[in-house]
Amino acid sequence: MKLTFDFQGFLNTHWRQQPAHVAGAISPFTNPLSPDELAGLAVEEMIGSQLIISDGHEVEMRSGPIDFDSLPASAALSLTVNAADHWHGELTPLRALFNAFPQWLFTHLHANYEMAGIHHQPNSSDHDLLIVQGSGEREWQIAPHNWQENNAEPQRFTLHSGDILYIPAGFYSKPNTDSESMSYILTIRSPAASEMFSHLGSHLLHSEDADAATPLHQITLQDQPAAISADDFAKFEDHLRHTLEQTDLLKTWMGEYLSQPAYELDVMSAEPPWQLSEVRDFLDKGGVLCKVAGLKTLYHTDRPEQVFVNGESFTLPSDVDTLSQVVCNQSTLTATQLGALIDHPAVLAFLTEMANLGYWYPNE
């Protein structure tokens, strides 16, 4: 599978500007997931899913795990599995088509199966959405505002297998399905300032590098003790500005924040734990370490010795800082990819720790 269009040109023209439909965007295209496979994921307790049930008169919504034995026989269904790419390897090639996106922007890939007879209301998302039509046909109505409230006419797009639809953040959309349909929704995260400041505040509470309190080197007694003086405001403002100018602190926070997953990963700690010699022997014999699906591994280009994995920070010696490019940009690790780096004790220790945490696993 590969994209048949100029993706960068597409983004330059449409990103955050207007919806767009690309017919035959992926070729050759084969639907990676069957409805039965999707249902198999939805019965698992650790995998998030939602089911809409409609009998033509009433609509019921259920959250996973889904008990399919209790469903009405003649009901129309719409099943969505959150971050399905974390749990089903057949979705990896589809996800890989968008690897050129900055990894920190990509949040998750939902999978949806829907029957005819499900009626949706216009809904908006804070994230940008790329919809890949897996099978069947589906119509989408899209507008900058809720057209049912202002009598506006939405744009209409009909998707077929292998098509892509882009919906900018904030736009309202409504799908219509006249027959069985499979869709894959790639969500592109755009963190809000309020979310970032909330997470930064939590990071500062646990950071040894952050100042403990606002510096008040001199206090002036006031006739009006309830008043906040301009001088006191300036001290608070300077203190906040000083915090935001601490580059090392902000880079560590940013890496940890952006590498956190939005949904649970299929991670299992190694049992028994790997020993350093075992990891080296495994790689020397041609073994392959595979990155867990959905795992975010990031680094700053000007600080490659610091690697961020699943919301945590790991520091490497400066003489092996090229390791960050290898482990963060590749989905697999081999002795050939590592080259001379494999001989460095710190590299072997890092790889052993990653394998024991379950972030990389042997492809056996």
Protein backbone atom coordinates (compact mmCIF):
# COMPACT_ATOMS: atom_id res chain seq x y z
CA MET A 1 0.00 0.00 0.00
CA LYS A 2 1.15 3.52 -0.73
CA LEU A 3 -0.30 7.01 -0.99
CA THR A 4 -1.08 8.01 -4.58
CA PHE A 5 -1.02 11.78 -4.03
CA ASP A 6 1.37 14.52 -2.93
CA PHE A 7 0.76 14.42 0.82
CA GLN A 8 2.83 17.53 1.60
CA GLY A 9 1.07 19.48 -1.14
CA PHE A 10 -2.27 18.26 0.21
CA LEU A 11 -1.39 19.53 3.68
CA ASN A 12 -0.16 22.87 2.31
CA THR A 13 -3.48 23.39 0.55
CA HIS A 14 -6.01 22.01 3.01
CA TRP A 15 -4.56 21.71 6.53
CA ARG A 16 -6.68 23.72 8.99
CA GLN A 17 -8.39 25.40 6.04
CA GLN A 18 -11.02 23.21 4.40
CA PRO A 19 -12.25 19.61 4.13
CA ALA A 20 -10.89 17.55 1.26
CA HIS A 21 -11.68 14.22 -0.38
CA VAL A 22 -8.96 12.24 -2.18
CA ALA A 23 -10.43 9.44 -4.29
CA GLY A 24 -8.19 6.38 -4.63
CA ALA A 25 -5.75 7.89 -2.14
CA ILE A 26 -4.27 4.50 -1.20
CA SER A 27 -3.31 1.92 -3.83
CA PRO A 28 -3.31 -0.99 -3.94
CA PHE A 29 -5.72 -1.04 -1.01
CA THR A 30 -7.00 -4.03 0.95
CA ASN A 31 -9.26 -3.55 3.94
CA PRO A 32 -6.98 -4.57 6.84
CA LEU A 33 -9.67 -5.58 9.37
CA SER A 34 -12.87 -7.61 9.08
CA PRO A 35 -16.00 -6.89 11.13
CA ASP A 36 -15.46 -10.14 13.03
CA GLU A 37 -11.89 -9.17 13.91
CA LEU A 38 -13.09 -5.77 15.11
CA ALA A 39 -15.75 -7.47 17.26
CA GLY A 40 -13.03 -9.70 18.70
CA LEU A 41 -11.15 -6.62 19.91
CA ALA A 42 -14.33 -5.09 21.39
CA VAL A 43 -14.90 -8.00 23.78
CA GLU A 44 -11.54 -7.42 25.48
CA GLU A 45 -11.72 -5.59 28.78
CA MET A 46 -8.50 -3.61 28.34
CA ILE A 47 -9.48 -2.25 24.91
CA GLY A 48 -11.80 0.75 24.75
CA SER A 49 -14.84 0.42 22.51
CA GLN A 50 -18.29 1.90 21.97
CA LEU A 51 -21.39 0.34 20.44
CA ILE A 52 -24.46 2.18 19.10
CA ILE A 53 -27.62 0.06 18.81
CA SER A 54 -30.69 1.26 16.89
CA ASP A 55 -33.97 -0.56 16.28
CA GLY A 56 -35.38 2.28 14.20
CA HIS A 57 -37.14 3.91 17.14
CA GLU A 58 -34.71 4.03 20.05
CA VAL A 59 -30.93 4.35 20.24
CA GLU A 60 -28.81 2.72 22.94
CA MET A 61 -25.11 3.27 23.58
CA ARG A 62 -22.85 0.75 25.31
CA SER A 63 -19.20 0.88 26.33
CA GLY A 64 -16.84 -2.10 26.12
CA PRO A 65 -16.23 -4.82 26.77
CA ILE A 66 -19.16 -5.62 24.47
CA ASP A 67 -21.39 -8.65 25.04
CA PHE A 68 -22.58 -9.45 21.53
CA ASP A 69 -24.75 -12.36 22.71
CA SER A 70 -27.18 -9.91 24.34
CA LEU A 71 -27.88 -7.81 21.22
CA PRO A 72 -31.31 -7.56 19.59
CA ALA A 73 -31.43 -9.73 16.48
CA SER A 74 -32.70 -7.10 14.05
CA ALA A 75 -30.90 -4.01 15.39
CA ALA A 76 -28.55 -1.82 13.35
CA LEU A 77 -25.08 -1.51 14.89
CA SER A 78 -22.17 0.92 14.84
CA LEU A 79 -19.04 -0.39 16.57
CA THR A 80 -15.92 1.69 17.24
CA VAL A 81 -12.70 0.35 18.77
CA ASN A 82 -10.32 2.97 20.18
CA ALA A 83 -6.66 2.86 19.14
CA ALA A 84 -7.22 -0.39 17.27
CA ASP A 85 -3.69 -0.12 15.85
CA HIS A 86 -2.33 -0.74 19.35
CA TRP A 87 -3.86 -4.21 19.38
CA HIS A 88 -4.03 -5.52 15.82
CA GLY A 89 -0.88 -5.90 13.74
CA GLU A 90 -2.75 -5.86 10.41
CA LEU A 91 -3.28 -2.11 10.91
CA THR A 92 0.47 -1.40 11.08
CA PRO A 93 0.92 -0.93 7.29
CA LEU A 94 -2.00 1.52 7.23
CA ARG A 95 -0.55 3.48 10.12
CA ALA A 96 2.88 3.43 8.47
CA LEU A 97 1.55 5.37 5.48
CA PHE A 98 1.46 8.43 7.72
CA ASN A 99 4.84 7.98 9.43
CA ALA A 100 6.09 11.25 7.93
CA PHE A 101 3.73 13.10 10.26
CA PRO A 102 5.58 14.35 13.38
CA GLN A 103 5.13 11.43 15.76
CA TRP A 104 4.04 13.67 18.62
CA LEU A 105 1.08 14.93 16.57
CA PHE A 106 -0.42 11.52 15.92
CA THR A 107 -2.72 10.32 18.68
CA HIS A 108 -4.52 7.16 17.64
CA LEU A 109 -6.29 5.18 14.94
CA HIS A 110 -9.90 4.22 15.63
CA ALA A 111 -11.64 1.49 13.62
CA ASN A 112 -15.37 1.62 12.94
CA TYR A 113 -17.90 -0.84 11.51
CA GLU A 114 -21.39 0.40 10.77
CA MET A 115 -24.62 -1.02 9.35
CA ALA A 116 -27.32 0.88 7.50
CA GLY A 117 -29.94 2.38 9.80
CA ILE A 118 -27.68 4.31 12.19
CA HIS A 119 -28.53 7.99 12.31
CA HIS A 120 -25.95 10.48 13.59
CA GLN A 121 -26.19 14.13 14.59
CA PRO A 122 -23.64 16.69 13.36
CA ASN A 123 -20.65 16.62 15.68
CA SER A 124 -17.35 18.51 15.89
CA SER A 125 -13.92 17.46 17.11
CA ASP A 126 -11.05 19.45 18.62
CA HIS A 127 -8.66 17.31 16.55
CA ASP A 128 -7.98 17.08 12.83
CA LEU A 129 -9.29 13.84 11.35
CA LEU A 130 -8.18 11.72 8.41
CA ILE A 131 -10.86 9.17 7.49
CA VAL A 132 -9.75 6.13 5.47
CA GLN A 133 -12.63 4.17 3.93
CA GLY A 134 -11.91 0.49 4.44
CA SER A 135 -14.86 -1.20 2.76
CA GLY A 136 -18.32 -0.34 1.53
CA GLU A 137 -19.48 3.18 0.84
CA ARG A 138 -20.13 6.07 3.21
CA GLU A 139 -21.38 9.61 2.73
CA TRP A 140 -20.15 12.49 4.88
CA GLN A 141 -21.71 15.92 5.35
CA ILE A 142 -19.26 18.58 6.58
CA ALA A 143 -19.54 22.31 7.38
CA PRO A 144 -17.73 24.90 9.53
CA HIS A 145 -20.85 25.18 11.72
CA ASN A 146 -23.79 23.01 12.71
CA TRP A 147 -25.95 23.40 9.62
CA GLN A 148 -29.04 22.09 11.39
CA GLU A 149 -28.98 25.18 13.61
CA ASN A 150 -28.42 27.82 10.91
CA ASN A 151 -30.04 26.16 7.87
CA ALA A 152 -26.75 26.18 5.96
CA GLU A 153 -25.98 23.63 3.25
CA PRO A 154 -23.08 21.28 4.16
CA GLN A 155 -20.54 19.88 1.71
CA ARG A 156 -21.16 16.24 0.78
CA PHE A 157 -18.50 13.63 0.11
CA THR A 158 -19.00 9.96 -0.81
CA LEU A 159 -16.13 7.66 0.15
CA HIS A 160 -15.24 4.32 -1.41
CA SER A 161 -12.62 1.77 -0.39
CA GLY A 162 -9.14 3.35 -0.38
CA ASP A 163 -10.42 6.95 -0.31
CA ILE A 164 -9.29 9.52 2.28
CA LEU A 165 -11.35 12.37 3.73
CA TYR A 166 -9.79 15.21 5.72
CA ILE A 167 -11.92 17.02 8.33
CA PRO A 168 -10.26 20.08 9.91
CA ALA A 169 -10.47 20.59 13.67
CA GLY A 170 -13.63 22.42 14.70
CA PHE A 171 -15.65 21.48 11.61
CA TYR A 172 -18.97 19.70 12.07
CA SER A 173 -19.44 16.35 10.34
CA LYS A 174 -22.15 13.72 9.98
CA PRO A 175 -21.71 10.28 8.38
CA ASN A 176 -24.50 8.43 6.59
CA THR A 177 -24.32 4.72 5.82
CA ASP A 178 -26.68 2.94 3.42
CA SER A 179 -24.85 -0.40 3.57
CA GLU A 180 -22.18 -2.14 5.64
CA SER A 181 -19.10 0.04 5.98
CA MET A 182 -15.63 -0.13 7.57
CA SER A 183 -13.73 3.09 8.28
CA TYR A 184 -10.47 4.03 9.98
CA ILE A 185 -10.18 7.40 11.73
CA LEU A 186 -6.68 8.79 12.21
CA THR A 187 -6.72 11.52 14.85
CA ILE A 188 -4.12 14.29 14.71
CA ARG A 189 -3.68 15.85 18.13
CA SER A 190 -3.49 19.61 18.55
CA PRO A 191 -2.95 20.25 22.28
CA ALA A 192 -4.84 23.21 23.71
CA ALA A 193 -2.96 25.80 25.77
CA SER A 194 -5.09 24.96 28.83
CA GLU A 195 -4.12 21.30 28.55
CA MET A 196 -0.43 22.13 28.19
CA PHE A 197 -0.39 24.49 31.17
CA SER A 198 -2.24 21.94 33.29
CA HIS A 199 0.34 19.28 32.52
CA LEU A 200 3.22 21.74 32.95
CA GLY A 201 1.90 22.67 36.40
CA SER A 202 1.89 19.02 37.41
CA HIS A 203 5.42 18.62 36.05
CA LEU A 204 6.65 21.64 38.04
CA LEU A 205 5.22 20.23 41.25
CA HIS A 206 7.50 17.21 40.88
CA SER A 207 10.52 18.98 39.41
CA GLU A 208 13.60 19.70 41.49
CA ASP A 209 14.63 22.37 38.98
CA ALA A 210 11.55 24.54 39.47
CA ASP A 211 11.62 27.43 41.94
CA ALA A 212 9.83 26.61 45.18
CA ALA A 213 8.02 29.92 45.65
CA THR A 214 7.59 33.37 44.23
CA PRO A 215 10.58 35.44 45.42
CA LEU A 216 9.49 38.29 47.72
CA HIS A 217 12.77 39.85 48.76
CA GLN A 218 11.07 42.91 50.22
CA ILE A 219 7.55 43.31 51.64
CA THR A 220 5.88 46.69 51.99
CA LEU A 221 3.13 47.04 54.59
CA GLN A 222 -0.14 48.34 53.13
CA ASP A 223 -2.97 50.54 54.37
CA GLN A 224 -5.23 48.51 52.09
CA PRO A 225 -4.16 44.88 52.69
CA ALA A 226 -6.70 43.48 50.21
CA ALA A 227 -5.09 45.31 47.30
CA ILE A 228 -2.67 43.61 44.88
CA SER A 229 -0.12 46.23 44.05
CA ALA A 230 1.35 46.73 40.60
CA ASP A 231 4.78 45.88 42.04
CA ASP A 232 3.53 42.54 43.43
CA PHE A 233 1.90 41.71 40.11
CA ALA A 234 5.18 42.45 38.35
CA LYS A 235 7.00 40.06 40.74
CA PHE A 236 4.56 37.26 39.95
CA GLU A 237 4.81 37.99 36.23
CA ASP A 238 8.62 37.95 36.35
CA HIS A 239 8.58 34.67 38.27
CA LEU A 240 6.31 32.98 35.73
CA ARG A 241 8.34 34.36 32.85
CA HIS A 242 11.54 33.09 34.47
CA THR A 243 10.00 29.62 34.77
CA LEU A 244 8.97 29.59 31.11
CA GLU A 245 12.48 30.69 30.10
CA GLN A 246 14.11 27.63 31.69
CA THR A 247 14.84 25.80 28.45
CA ASP A 248 16.10 22.55 30.00
CA LEU A 249 13.03 22.25 32.20
CA LEU A 250 10.64 22.99 29.33
CA LYS A 251 12.33 20.56 26.95
CA THR A 252 12.10 17.74 29.49
CA TRP A 253 8.45 18.55 30.19
CA MET A 254 7.61 18.77 26.49
CA GLY A 255 9.23 15.43 25.66
CA GLU A 256 7.50 13.63 28.51
CA TYR A 257 4.14 15.28 27.78
CA LEU A 258 4.13 14.61 24.04
CA SER A 259 5.31 11.01 24.36
CA GLN A 260 2.41 10.02 26.60
CA PRO A 261 -0.11 7.73 24.88
CA ALA A 262 -3.77 8.73 24.70
CA TYR A 263 -4.84 5.09 25.06
CA GLU A 264 -3.49 2.00 26.75
CA LEU A 265 -0.72 0.09 24.99
CA ASP A 266 -0.31 -3.66 24.65
CA VAL A 267 2.72 -3.70 26.96
CA MET A 268 3.88 -6.72 28.97
CA SER A 269 6.99 -6.54 31.13
CA ALA A 270 9.56 -9.23 30.37
CA GLU A 271 9.31 -12.22 32.69
CA PRO A 272 11.90 -13.35 33.59
CA PRO A 273 13.81 -10.10 33.00
CA TRP A 274 16.40 -9.95 30.24
CA GLN A 275 20.07 -9.84 31.20
CA LEU A 276 22.48 -7.63 29.28
CA SER A 277 24.33 -10.63 27.90
CA GLU A 278 21.06 -12.17 26.68
CA VAL A 279 20.07 -9.05 24.74
CA ARG A 280 23.53 -8.87 23.13
CA ASP A 281 23.47 -12.57 22.22
CA PHE A 282 19.92 -12.23 20.81
CA LEU A 283 20.92 -9.35 18.54
CA ASP A 284 24.24 -10.91 17.51
CA LYS A 285 22.36 -14.00 16.30
CA GLY A 286 20.17 -11.90 14.01
CA GLY A 287 17.29 -11.33 16.40
CA VAL A 288 14.89 -8.42 15.90
CA LEU A 289 13.49 -6.23 18.67
CA CYS A 290 10.08 -4.79 17.72
CA LYS A 291 8.62 -1.60 19.13
CA VAL A 292 5.20 -1.99 20.74
CA ALA A 293 2.48 -0.62 18.47
CA GLY A 294 1.49 2.96 19.36
CA LEU A 295 4.57 3.57 21.51
CA LYS A 296 5.82 7.15 21.19
CA THR A 297 9.59 7.59 21.22
CA LEU A 298 10.80 11.18 20.85
CA TYR A 299 13.94 13.31 21.10
CA HIS A 300 14.92 16.95 20.63
CA THR A 301 17.19 17.50 17.62
CA ASP A 302 19.45 19.77 19.66
CA ARG A 303 19.52 17.40 22.68
CA PRO A 304 19.66 13.89 21.18
CA GLU A 305 21.16 12.40 24.32
CA GLN A 306 17.73 12.66 26.01
CA VAL A 307 15.15 10.12 24.83
CA PHE A 308 11.47 10.24 25.77
CA VAL A 309 9.58 6.95 25.85
CA ASN A 310 5.96 6.56 26.92
CA GLY A 311 5.98 9.70 29.06
CA GLU A 312 9.39 9.05 30.66
CA SER A 313 12.80 10.62 30.13
CA PHE A 314 16.01 8.61 29.64
CA THR A 315 19.46 10.20 29.36
CA LEU A 316 22.23 8.63 27.28
CA PRO A 317 25.94 9.42 27.31
CA SER A 318 26.82 12.15 24.82
CA ASP A 319 29.12 9.82 22.85
CA VAL A 320 26.16 7.60 21.84
CA ASP A 321 23.57 10.31 21.26
CA THR A 322 23.00 9.01 17.71
CA LEU A 323 21.14 6.09 19.32
CA SER A 324 18.10 8.33 19.76
CA GLN A 325 17.66 8.61 15.99
CA VAL A 326 17.82 4.84 15.59
CA VAL A 327 15.45 3.81 18.38
CA CYS A 328 12.98 6.68 17.92
CA ASN A 329 12.61 6.60 14.13
CA GLN A 330 12.57 2.85 13.58
CA SER A 331 9.90 0.29 14.46
CA THR A 332 12.48 -2.50 14.75
CA LEU A 333 16.02 -2.80 16.07
CA THR A 334 18.73 -5.13 14.76
CA ALA A 335 22.47 -5.40 15.24
CA THR A 336 22.93 -4.08 11.69
CA GLN A 337 20.89 -0.95 12.44
CA LEU A 338 22.77 -0.35 15.67
CA GLY A 339 26.20 -0.84 14.11
CA ALA A 340 29.10 0.08 16.43
CA LEU A 341 26.64 1.46 19.00
CA ILE A 342 25.91 -2.07 20.15
CA ASP A 343 29.38 -2.29 21.66
CA HIS A 344 28.76 0.58 24.09
CA PRO A 345 27.73 -0.62 27.59
CA ALA A 346 25.24 2.26 28.01
CA VAL A 347 23.47 1.33 24.77
CA LEU A 348 23.14 -2.30 25.82
CA ALA A 349 21.88 -1.22 29.25
CA PHE A 350 19.27 1.06 27.64
CA LEU A 351 18.05 -1.64 25.25
CA THR A 352 17.84 -4.14 28.10
CA GLU A 353 15.78 -1.72 30.19
CA MET A 354 13.42 -1.06 27.24
CA ALA A 355 12.97 -4.81 26.67
CA ASN A 356 12.31 -5.45 30.35
CA LEU A 357 9.71 -2.67 30.45
CA GLY A 358 8.00 -4.37 27.52
CA TYR A 359 8.43 -1.42 25.15
CA TRP A 360 10.43 -3.56 22.72
CA TYR A 361 9.86 -7.28 22.37
CA PRO A 362 11.64 -10.09 20.46
CA ASN A 363 10.18 -11.02 17.09
CA GLU A 364 10.34 -14.77 17.53
